[in-house]
Amino acid sequence: MISPKIQDAINQQINAEFWSAYLYLAMGMHSEAEGHQGIANWFRIQFKEEQAHAEIFINYLLSRGGRVELKAIDAVPTSWESPLEAFEHTLEHEEKVTAMINALYALAEQEHDYATRGKLDWFVSEQVEEEETAHNLIDRLKLIAGDGLALYMLDQELASRVYNVPAPLAAK
């Protein structure tokens, strides 16, 4: 059985993951409306990944005898001045998610909940990847600096991104 503190924290994380999904869906819709179908694809894949992250937490909580409490999802921003601004917002958001995962990890240690800590190891690594990807895209967009052809090429590259089921769900 999982402790009430851990259960509450995981439920908060589930809500945050769904909020993240909603944010990336909004970014994708905005990008598509602006004519950046490749960037929109990148954000739609992020949307699916965040939903999967929520599902991983849901499955874990249920496997430990916990109860999932889905809460309302707060509104998200719906427009950005440029692809660069959207990816800067992405990085800022992923840094917040990293802090939340780290706090959950610390709580698991405090509660001596080593099973939860072990489950969180995957998320810790995932957040390193999320932040690195956002940094790289920001750096590339800064290099582009208004070059329409270069933005077109990046957009085409991002159109090729495909969704891969995260390892914790693929094992289900």
N, C-alpha and C. Protein backbone atom coordinates (compact mmCIF):
# COMPACT_ATOMS: atom_id res chain seq x y z
N MET A 1 0.84 -1.19 0.00
CA MET A 1 0.00 0.00 0.00
C MET A 1 0.88 1.24 0.00
N ILE A 2 0.45 2.21 -0.74
CA ILE A 2 1.22 3.45 -0.88
C ILE A 2 0.76 4.45 0.20
N SER A 3 1.67 5.28 0.68
CA SER A 3 1.32 6.24 1.73
C SER A 3 0.42 7.34 1.17
N PRO A 4 -0.40 7.92 2.02
CA PRO A 4 -1.27 9.03 1.56
C PRO A 4 -0.48 10.20 0.99
N LYS A 5 0.69 10.50 1.59
CA LYS A 5 1.51 11.61 1.08
C LYS A 5 1.98 11.34 -0.35
N ILE A 6 2.46 10.13 -0.59
CA ILE A 6 2.93 9.77 -1.93
C ILE A 6 1.76 9.74 -2.90
N GLN A 7 0.64 9.17 -2.47
CA GLN A 7 -0.55 9.13 -3.33
C GLN A 7 -0.97 10.54 -3.74
N ASP A 8 -1.02 11.47 -2.80
CA ASP A 8 -1.40 12.84 -3.12
C ASP A 8 -0.41 13.49 -4.08
N ALA A 9 0.87 13.26 -3.84
CA ALA A 9 1.90 13.85 -4.70
C ALA A 9 1.83 13.28 -6.11
N ILE A 10 1.59 12.00 -6.23
CA ILE A 10 1.48 11.39 -7.55
C ILE A 10 0.22 11.90 -8.26
N ASN A 11 -0.86 12.06 -7.52
CA ASN A 11 -2.07 12.63 -8.14
C ASN A 11 -1.81 14.06 -8.63
N GLN A 12 -1.05 14.83 -7.90
CA GLN A 12 -0.68 16.17 -8.36
C GLN A 12 0.18 16.07 -9.63
N GLN A 13 1.07 15.10 -9.68
CA GLN A 13 1.92 14.92 -10.84
C GLN A 13 1.09 14.48 -12.06
N ILE A 14 0.10 13.64 -11.83
CA ILE A 14 -0.78 13.23 -12.93
C ILE A 14 -1.46 14.46 -13.52
N ASN A 15 -1.97 15.32 -12.66
CA ASN A 15 -2.62 16.54 -13.13
C ASN A 15 -1.63 17.40 -13.91
N ALA A 16 -0.40 17.51 -13.41
CA ALA A 16 0.62 18.31 -14.08
C ALA A 16 0.97 17.72 -15.45
N GLU A 17 1.00 16.41 -15.55
CA GLU A 17 1.31 15.77 -16.84
C GLU A 17 0.18 16.02 -17.84
N PHE A 18 -1.06 15.96 -17.39
CA PHE A 18 -2.17 16.28 -18.29
C PHE A 18 -2.16 17.75 -18.68
N TRP A 19 -1.80 18.64 -17.75
CA TRP A 19 -1.67 20.05 -18.07
C TRP A 19 -0.58 20.24 -19.13
N SER A 20 0.53 19.53 -18.96
CA SER A 20 1.62 19.60 -19.94
C SER A 20 1.13 19.15 -21.31
N ALA A 21 0.37 18.07 -21.34
CA ALA A 21 -0.17 17.59 -22.61
C ALA A 21 -1.04 18.66 -23.25
N TYR A 22 -1.88 19.27 -22.46
CA TYR A 22 -2.77 20.32 -22.95
C TYR A 22 -1.95 21.51 -23.49
N LEU A 23 -0.88 21.88 -22.78
CA LEU A 23 0.00 22.96 -23.23
C LEU A 23 0.60 22.63 -24.59
N TYR A 24 1.13 21.42 -24.73
CA TYR A 24 1.77 21.06 -26.00
C TYR A 24 0.75 20.92 -27.13
N LEU A 25 -0.46 20.51 -26.82
CA LEU A 25 -1.50 20.49 -27.84
C LEU A 25 -1.80 21.91 -28.31
N ALA A 26 -1.88 22.85 -27.38
CA ALA A 26 -2.10 24.25 -27.73
C ALA A 26 -0.95 24.78 -28.59
N MET A 27 0.27 24.43 -28.24
CA MET A 27 1.42 24.86 -29.03
C MET A 27 1.36 24.27 -30.44
N GLY A 28 0.94 23.01 -30.52
CA GLY A 28 0.81 22.37 -31.83
C GLY A 28 -0.25 23.04 -32.68
N MET A 29 -1.40 23.34 -32.08
CA MET A 29 -2.48 23.98 -32.83
C MET A 29 -2.07 25.37 -33.29
N HIS A 30 -1.38 26.10 -32.41
CA HIS A 30 -0.90 27.44 -32.78
C HIS A 30 0.12 27.34 -33.93
N SER A 31 1.04 26.40 -33.82
CA SER A 31 2.06 26.24 -34.86
C SER A 31 1.43 25.89 -36.20
N GLU A 32 0.46 25.02 -36.15
CA GLU A 32 -0.21 24.64 -37.40
C GLU A 32 -0.94 25.83 -38.01
N ALA A 33 -1.61 26.61 -37.18
CA ALA A 33 -2.31 27.79 -37.67
C ALA A 33 -1.35 28.80 -38.29
N GLU A 34 -0.11 28.79 -37.82
CA GLU A 34 0.91 29.70 -38.35
C GLU A 34 1.62 29.13 -39.57
N GLY A 35 1.24 27.93 -40.00
CA GLY A 35 1.83 27.34 -41.19
C GLY A 35 3.07 26.51 -40.96
N HIS A 36 3.34 26.18 -39.70
CA HIS A 36 4.53 25.38 -39.36
C HIS A 36 4.08 23.95 -39.01
N GLN A 37 3.76 23.18 -40.04
CA GLN A 37 3.24 21.83 -39.80
C GLN A 37 4.25 20.91 -39.13
N GLY A 38 5.53 21.08 -39.43
CA GLY A 38 6.55 20.24 -38.80
C GLY A 38 6.69 20.54 -37.32
N ILE A 39 6.70 21.81 -36.97
CA ILE A 39 6.76 22.20 -35.56
C ILE A 39 5.50 21.73 -34.86
N ALA A 40 4.36 21.86 -35.54
CA ALA A 40 3.10 21.37 -34.98
C ALA A 40 3.20 19.87 -34.70
N ASN A 41 3.79 19.13 -35.63
CA ASN A 41 3.97 17.68 -35.42
C ASN A 41 4.82 17.43 -34.19
N TRP A 42 5.90 18.17 -34.03
CA TRP A 42 6.78 18.00 -32.87
C TRP A 42 5.98 18.18 -31.57
N PHE A 43 5.16 19.24 -31.53
CA PHE A 43 4.37 19.50 -30.33
C PHE A 43 3.27 18.46 -30.14
N ARG A 44 2.70 17.96 -31.21
CA ARG A 44 1.68 16.90 -31.08
C ARG A 44 2.29 15.62 -30.51
N ILE A 45 3.52 15.34 -30.89
CA ILE A 45 4.22 14.18 -30.31
C ILE A 45 4.45 14.43 -28.83
N GLN A 46 4.84 15.66 -28.47
CA GLN A 46 5.00 15.99 -27.05
C GLN A 46 3.69 15.80 -26.30
N PHE A 47 2.59 16.21 -26.91
CA PHE A 47 1.26 16.02 -26.33
C PHE A 47 1.04 14.54 -25.98
N LYS A 48 1.34 13.66 -26.93
CA LYS A 48 1.16 12.22 -26.70
C LYS A 48 2.09 11.71 -25.61
N GLU A 49 3.33 12.21 -25.60
CA GLU A 49 4.29 11.78 -24.57
C GLU A 49 3.81 12.17 -23.18
N GLU A 50 3.29 13.38 -23.05
CA GLU A 50 2.83 13.81 -21.72
C GLU A 50 1.62 13.02 -21.28
N GLN A 51 0.73 12.69 -22.20
CA GLN A 51 -0.39 11.81 -21.85
C GLN A 51 0.14 10.46 -21.38
N ALA A 52 1.15 9.96 -22.06
CA ALA A 52 1.75 8.68 -21.67
C ALA A 52 2.38 8.77 -20.29
N HIS A 53 3.02 9.89 -19.99
CA HIS A 53 3.62 10.07 -18.66
C HIS A 53 2.53 10.00 -17.58
N ALA A 54 1.41 10.66 -17.84
CA ALA A 54 0.29 10.59 -16.89
C ALA A 54 -0.19 9.15 -16.74
N GLU A 55 -0.26 8.43 -17.84
CA GLU A 55 -0.72 7.04 -17.80
C GLU A 55 0.25 6.17 -17.01
N ILE A 56 1.54 6.43 -17.13
CA ILE A 56 2.53 5.67 -16.36
C ILE A 56 2.29 5.88 -14.86
N PHE A 57 2.09 7.13 -14.47
CA PHE A 57 1.82 7.42 -13.06
C PHE A 57 0.50 6.79 -12.61
N ILE A 58 -0.52 6.84 -13.46
CA ILE A 58 -1.81 6.23 -13.12
C ILE A 58 -1.64 4.73 -12.90
N ASN A 59 -0.99 4.06 -13.84
CA ASN A 59 -0.77 2.61 -13.73
C ASN A 59 0.00 2.27 -12.46
N TYR A 60 1.02 3.08 -12.18
CA TYR A 60 1.83 2.82 -10.99
C TYR A 60 1.00 2.98 -9.72
N LEU A 61 0.27 4.07 -9.64
CA LEU A 61 -0.53 4.32 -8.44
C LEU A 61 -1.54 3.20 -8.22
N LEU A 62 -2.19 2.77 -9.28
CA LEU A 62 -3.16 1.67 -9.16
C LEU A 62 -2.47 0.36 -8.76
N SER A 63 -1.28 0.13 -9.30
CA SER A 63 -0.57 -1.12 -8.96
C SER A 63 -0.16 -1.17 -7.50
N ARG A 64 -0.06 -0.02 -6.87
CA ARG A 64 0.32 0.04 -5.45
C ARG A 64 -0.88 0.14 -4.53
N GLY A 65 -2.08 -0.03 -5.07
CA GLY A 65 -3.28 0.03 -4.25
C GLY A 65 -3.76 1.44 -3.97
N GLY A 66 -3.21 2.41 -4.69
CA GLY A 66 -3.62 3.79 -4.50
C GLY A 66 -4.86 4.14 -5.30
N ARG A 67 -5.34 5.34 -5.08
CA ARG A 67 -6.53 5.82 -5.79
C ARG A 67 -6.15 7.02 -6.64
N VAL A 68 -6.58 6.99 -7.87
CA VAL A 68 -6.33 8.10 -8.79
C VAL A 68 -7.47 9.11 -8.64
N GLU A 69 -7.10 10.36 -8.48
CA GLU A 69 -8.08 11.44 -8.35
C GLU A 69 -7.80 12.47 -9.45
N LEU A 70 -8.55 12.36 -10.53
CA LEU A 70 -8.37 13.30 -11.63
C LEU A 70 -9.02 14.63 -11.26
N LYS A 71 -8.26 15.68 -11.45
CA LYS A 71 -8.74 17.02 -11.09
C LYS A 71 -8.85 17.87 -12.35
N ALA A 72 -9.47 19.02 -12.23
CA ALA A 72 -9.61 19.93 -13.37
C ALA A 72 -8.23 20.36 -13.86
N ILE A 73 -8.15 20.57 -15.15
CA ILE A 73 -6.90 21.04 -15.75
C ILE A 73 -7.04 22.54 -16.00
N ASP A 74 -6.12 23.30 -15.44
CA ASP A 74 -6.14 24.76 -15.63
C ASP A 74 -5.92 25.12 -17.10
N ALA A 75 -6.38 26.29 -17.46
CA ALA A 75 -6.20 26.79 -18.83
C ALA A 75 -4.70 26.96 -19.12
N VAL A 76 -4.36 26.85 -20.39
CA VAL A 76 -2.98 27.02 -20.85
C VAL A 76 -2.92 28.20 -21.81
N PRO A 77 -1.72 28.76 -22.01
CA PRO A 77 -1.58 29.79 -23.04
C PRO A 77 -1.93 29.19 -24.41
N THR A 78 -2.32 30.04 -25.34
CA THR A 78 -2.72 29.53 -26.65
C THR A 78 -2.00 30.19 -27.82
N SER A 79 -1.12 31.13 -27.55
CA SER A 79 -0.38 31.73 -28.67
C SER A 79 1.01 32.18 -28.21
N TRP A 80 1.90 32.21 -29.18
CA TRP A 80 3.29 32.59 -28.97
C TRP A 80 3.71 33.46 -30.14
N GLU A 81 4.62 34.36 -29.89
CA GLU A 81 5.05 35.30 -30.94
C GLU A 81 5.83 34.63 -32.06
N SER A 82 6.50 33.53 -31.73
CA SER A 82 7.37 32.88 -32.72
C SER A 82 7.64 31.45 -32.28
N PRO A 83 8.15 30.63 -33.20
CA PRO A 83 8.57 29.29 -32.78
C PRO A 83 9.62 29.36 -31.66
N LEU A 84 10.52 30.33 -31.74
CA LEU A 84 11.54 30.46 -30.68
C LEU A 84 10.87 30.69 -29.34
N GLU A 85 9.89 31.58 -29.28
CA GLU A 85 9.21 31.83 -28.00
C GLU A 85 8.50 30.58 -27.50
N ALA A 86 7.90 29.81 -28.40
CA ALA A 86 7.22 28.58 -27.99
C ALA A 86 8.21 27.59 -27.39
N PHE A 87 9.39 27.46 -28.01
CA PHE A 87 10.37 26.51 -27.47
C PHE A 87 11.03 27.04 -26.20
N GLU A 88 11.16 28.35 -26.07
CA GLU A 88 11.65 28.90 -24.80
C GLU A 88 10.65 28.60 -23.69
N HIS A 89 9.37 28.72 -24.00
CA HIS A 89 8.33 28.38 -23.03
C HIS A 89 8.39 26.88 -22.71
N THR A 90 8.67 26.08 -23.74
CA THR A 90 8.82 24.63 -23.53
C THR A 90 9.92 24.34 -22.53
N LEU A 91 11.08 24.97 -22.73
CA LEU A 91 12.21 24.75 -21.81
C LEU A 91 11.84 25.19 -20.39
N GLU A 92 11.25 26.35 -20.27
CA GLU A 92 10.85 26.85 -18.95
C GLU A 92 9.89 25.87 -18.28
N HIS A 93 8.96 25.37 -19.06
CA HIS A 93 8.00 24.42 -18.50
C HIS A 93 8.68 23.11 -18.10
N GLU A 94 9.56 22.60 -18.95
CA GLU A 94 10.23 21.33 -18.64
C GLU A 94 11.11 21.47 -17.40
N GLU A 95 11.69 22.64 -17.19
CA GLU A 95 12.48 22.87 -15.97
C GLU A 95 11.58 22.80 -14.74
N LYS A 96 10.35 23.32 -14.85
CA LYS A 96 9.40 23.22 -13.73
C LYS A 96 9.02 21.76 -13.49
N VAL A 97 8.80 21.01 -14.56
CA VAL A 97 8.45 19.60 -14.42
C VAL A 97 9.61 18.84 -13.76
N THR A 98 10.83 19.16 -14.15
CA THR A 98 12.00 18.53 -13.54
C THR A 98 12.01 18.79 -12.04
N ALA A 99 11.72 20.02 -11.64
CA ALA A 99 11.69 20.35 -10.21
C ALA A 99 10.59 19.55 -9.50
N MET A 100 9.46 19.36 -10.16
CA MET A 100 8.37 18.58 -9.56
C MET A 100 8.76 17.11 -9.41
N ILE A 101 9.41 16.55 -10.42
CA ILE A 101 9.86 15.15 -10.36
C ILE A 101 10.90 15.01 -9.24
N ASN A 102 11.81 15.97 -9.15
CA ASN A 102 12.83 15.92 -8.11
C ASN A 102 12.20 16.00 -6.72
N ALA A 103 11.18 16.84 -6.56
CA ALA A 103 10.50 16.95 -5.27
C ALA A 103 9.77 15.65 -4.93
N LEU A 104 9.18 15.03 -5.93
CA LEU A 104 8.51 13.74 -5.71
C LEU A 104 9.53 12.68 -5.32
N TYR A 105 10.68 12.70 -5.97
CA TYR A 105 11.76 11.76 -5.65
C TYR A 105 12.22 11.96 -4.20
N ALA A 106 12.39 13.23 -3.81
CA ALA A 106 12.82 13.53 -2.44
C ALA A 106 11.77 13.06 -1.43
N LEU A 107 10.50 13.25 -1.76
CA LEU A 107 9.44 12.78 -0.88
C LEU A 107 9.47 11.26 -0.75
N ALA A 108 9.69 10.57 -1.85
CA ALA A 108 9.78 9.11 -1.81
C ALA A 108 10.92 8.66 -0.90
N GLU A 109 12.05 9.36 -0.98
CA GLU A 109 13.17 9.03 -0.08
C GLU A 109 12.79 9.31 1.37
N GLN A 110 12.17 10.44 1.60
CA GLN A 110 11.76 10.81 2.97
C GLN A 110 10.78 9.78 3.54
N GLU A 111 9.90 9.27 2.71
CA GLU A 111 8.91 8.28 3.14
C GLU A 111 9.46 6.85 3.11
N HIS A 112 10.71 6.70 2.73
CA HIS A 112 11.33 5.38 2.59
C HIS A 112 10.54 4.50 1.62
N ASP A 113 10.03 5.12 0.56
CA ASP A 113 9.25 4.42 -0.46
C ASP A 113 10.18 4.16 -1.65
N TYR A 114 10.92 3.08 -1.55
CA TYR A 114 11.95 2.78 -2.55
C TYR A 114 11.35 2.30 -3.87
N ALA A 115 10.16 1.75 -3.84
CA ALA A 115 9.50 1.35 -5.08
C ALA A 115 9.16 2.59 -5.91
N THR A 116 8.62 3.60 -5.25
CA THR A 116 8.30 4.84 -5.96
C THR A 116 9.57 5.52 -6.44
N ARG A 117 10.57 5.54 -5.60
CA ARG A 117 11.84 6.13 -6.01
C ARG A 117 12.38 5.43 -7.24
N GLY A 118 12.29 4.12 -7.27
CA GLY A 118 12.74 3.36 -8.43
C GLY A 118 11.95 3.69 -9.68
N LYS A 119 10.64 3.84 -9.55
CA LYS A 119 9.80 4.21 -10.69
C LYS A 119 10.18 5.59 -11.21
N LEU A 120 10.55 6.47 -10.29
CA LEU A 120 10.89 7.84 -10.68
C LEU A 120 12.23 7.95 -11.39
N ASP A 121 13.10 6.93 -11.25
CA ASP A 121 14.39 6.97 -11.95
C ASP A 121 14.20 7.20 -13.44
N TRP A 122 13.21 6.54 -14.04
CA TRP A 122 12.95 6.70 -15.47
C TRP A 122 12.58 8.15 -15.78
N PHE A 123 11.75 8.76 -14.92
CA PHE A 123 11.32 10.14 -15.14
C PHE A 123 12.47 11.13 -14.99
N VAL A 124 13.38 10.86 -14.06
CA VAL A 124 14.55 11.73 -13.90
C VAL A 124 15.35 11.76 -15.20
N SER A 125 15.61 10.59 -15.76
CA SER A 125 16.34 10.52 -17.03
C SER A 125 15.56 11.16 -18.17
N GLU A 126 14.27 10.95 -18.19
CA GLU A 126 13.41 11.53 -19.22
C GLU A 126 13.47 13.05 -19.20
N GLN A 127 13.51 13.63 -18.01
CA GLN A 127 13.56 15.08 -17.90
C GLN A 127 14.88 15.64 -18.41
N VAL A 128 15.97 14.93 -18.20
CA VAL A 128 17.26 15.37 -18.75
C VAL A 128 17.14 15.45 -20.27
N GLU A 129 16.54 14.44 -20.87
CA GLU A 129 16.35 14.41 -22.33
C GLU A 129 15.43 15.54 -22.79
N GLU A 130 14.34 15.77 -22.07
CA GLU A 130 13.38 16.82 -22.45
C GLU A 130 14.05 18.19 -22.45
N GLU A 131 14.80 18.48 -21.40
CA GLU A 131 15.47 19.78 -21.31
C GLU A 131 16.55 19.92 -22.38
N GLU A 132 17.31 18.87 -22.62
CA GLU A 132 18.36 18.91 -23.64
C GLU A 132 17.77 19.17 -25.02
N THR A 133 16.68 18.49 -25.34
CA THR A 133 16.03 18.68 -26.63
C THR A 133 15.55 20.12 -26.79
N ALA A 134 14.91 20.66 -25.78
CA ALA A 134 14.43 22.04 -25.85
C ALA A 134 15.59 23.01 -26.01
N HIS A 135 16.67 22.81 -25.26
CA HIS A 135 17.87 23.65 -25.40
C HIS A 135 18.38 23.61 -26.84
N ASN A 136 18.49 22.43 -27.39
CA ASN A 136 19.02 22.27 -28.75
C ASN A 136 18.15 22.99 -29.77
N LEU A 137 16.84 22.85 -29.64
CA LEU A 137 15.95 23.53 -30.59
C LEU A 137 16.01 25.04 -30.43
N ILE A 138 16.12 25.52 -29.22
CA ILE A 138 16.28 26.97 -28.99
C ILE A 138 17.57 27.46 -29.64
N ASP A 139 18.66 26.73 -29.43
CA ASP A 139 19.94 27.12 -30.04
C ASP A 139 19.83 27.18 -31.56
N ARG A 140 19.18 26.20 -32.15
CA ARG A 140 19.03 26.16 -33.61
C ARG A 140 18.16 27.31 -34.10
N LEU A 141 17.08 27.60 -33.38
CA LEU A 141 16.21 28.70 -33.78
C LEU A 141 16.92 30.05 -33.65
N LYS A 142 17.78 30.19 -32.66
CA LYS A 142 18.55 31.42 -32.53
C LYS A 142 19.53 31.57 -33.68
N LEU A 143 20.12 30.47 -34.13
CA LEU A 143 21.01 30.52 -35.30
C LEU A 143 20.26 30.92 -36.56
N ILE A 144 19.04 30.48 -36.68
CA ILE A 144 18.22 30.79 -37.84
C ILE A 144 17.95 32.28 -37.92
N ALA A 145 17.61 32.89 -36.80
CA ALA A 145 17.41 34.34 -36.66
C ALA A 145 16.73 35.00 -37.85
N GLY A 146 15.51 34.55 -38.16
CA GLY A 146 14.75 35.22 -39.22
C GLY A 146 14.99 34.71 -40.63
N ASP A 147 15.85 33.72 -40.79
CA ASP A 147 16.11 33.14 -42.11
C ASP A 147 14.97 32.18 -42.44
N GLY A 148 14.09 32.61 -43.34
CA GLY A 148 12.91 31.82 -43.69
C GLY A 148 13.22 30.45 -44.24
N LEU A 149 14.25 30.35 -45.07
CA LEU A 149 14.61 29.05 -45.65
C LEU A 149 15.11 28.10 -44.56
N ALA A 150 15.91 28.61 -43.65
CA ALA A 150 16.42 27.77 -42.56
C ALA A 150 15.27 27.32 -41.66
N LEU A 151 14.30 28.20 -41.40
CA LEU A 151 13.14 27.82 -40.59
C LEU A 151 12.32 26.76 -41.33
N TYR A 152 12.18 26.91 -42.63
CA TYR A 152 11.48 25.92 -43.43
C TYR A 152 12.17 24.56 -43.32
N MET A 153 13.48 24.55 -43.38
CA MET A 153 14.24 23.29 -43.30
C MET A 153 14.07 22.64 -41.93
N LEU A 154 14.13 23.44 -40.88
CA LEU A 154 13.92 22.91 -39.53
C LEU A 154 12.50 22.37 -39.40
N ASP A 155 11.55 23.10 -39.94
CA ASP A 155 10.15 22.66 -39.90
C ASP A 155 10.00 21.31 -40.59
N GLN A 156 10.65 21.14 -41.72
CA GLN A 156 10.59 19.87 -42.45
C GLN A 156 11.23 18.74 -41.63
N GLU A 157 12.32 19.05 -40.97
CA GLU A 157 12.98 18.05 -40.12
C GLU A 157 12.08 17.62 -38.97
N LEU A 158 11.44 18.58 -38.33
CA LEU A 158 10.58 18.25 -37.19
C LEU A 158 9.32 17.50 -37.61
N ALA A 159 8.96 17.61 -38.88
CA ALA A 159 7.81 16.88 -39.41
C ALA A 159 8.06 15.37 -39.41
N SER A 160 9.31 14.97 -39.38
CA SER A 160 9.63 13.54 -39.44
C SER A 160 9.62 12.86 -38.07
N ARG A 161 9.44 13.63 -37.01
CA ARG A 161 9.41 13.03 -35.67
C ARG A 161 8.21 12.09 -35.54
N VAL A 162 8.45 10.95 -34.95
CA VAL A 162 7.37 9.98 -34.73
C VAL A 162 7.25 9.67 -33.24
N TYR A 163 6.07 9.27 -32.86
CA TYR A 163 5.81 8.91 -31.47
C TYR A 163 6.31 7.49 -31.19
N ASN A 164 7.00 7.34 -30.10
CA ASN A 164 7.43 6.02 -29.63
C ASN A 164 6.84 5.82 -28.23
N VAL A 165 6.22 4.70 -28.03
CA VAL A 165 5.62 4.38 -26.73
C VAL A 165 6.75 4.32 -25.70
N PRO A 166 6.62 5.07 -24.60
CA PRO A 166 7.66 5.02 -23.56
C PRO A 166 7.84 3.61 -23.00
N ALA A 167 9.05 3.27 -22.65
CA ALA A 167 9.38 1.93 -22.15
C ALA A 167 8.45 1.45 -21.04
N PRO A 168 8.12 2.30 -20.03
CA PRO A 168 7.24 1.79 -18.97
C PRO A 168 5.84 1.39 -19.47
N LEU A 169 5.39 1.95 -20.57
CA LEU A 169 4.09 1.55 -21.12
C LEU A 169 4.23 0.40 -22.11
N ALA A 170 5.35 0.33 -22.79
CA ALA A 170 5.56 -0.72 -23.77
C ALA A 170 5.59 -2.08 -23.08
N ALA A 171 6.00 -2.11 -21.82
CA ALA A 171 6.09 -3.36 -21.07
C ALA A 171 4.71 -3.83 -20.60
N LYS A 172 3.71 -2.98 -20.70
CA LYS A 172 2.35 -3.33 -20.23
C LYS A 172 1.65 -4.24 -21.22
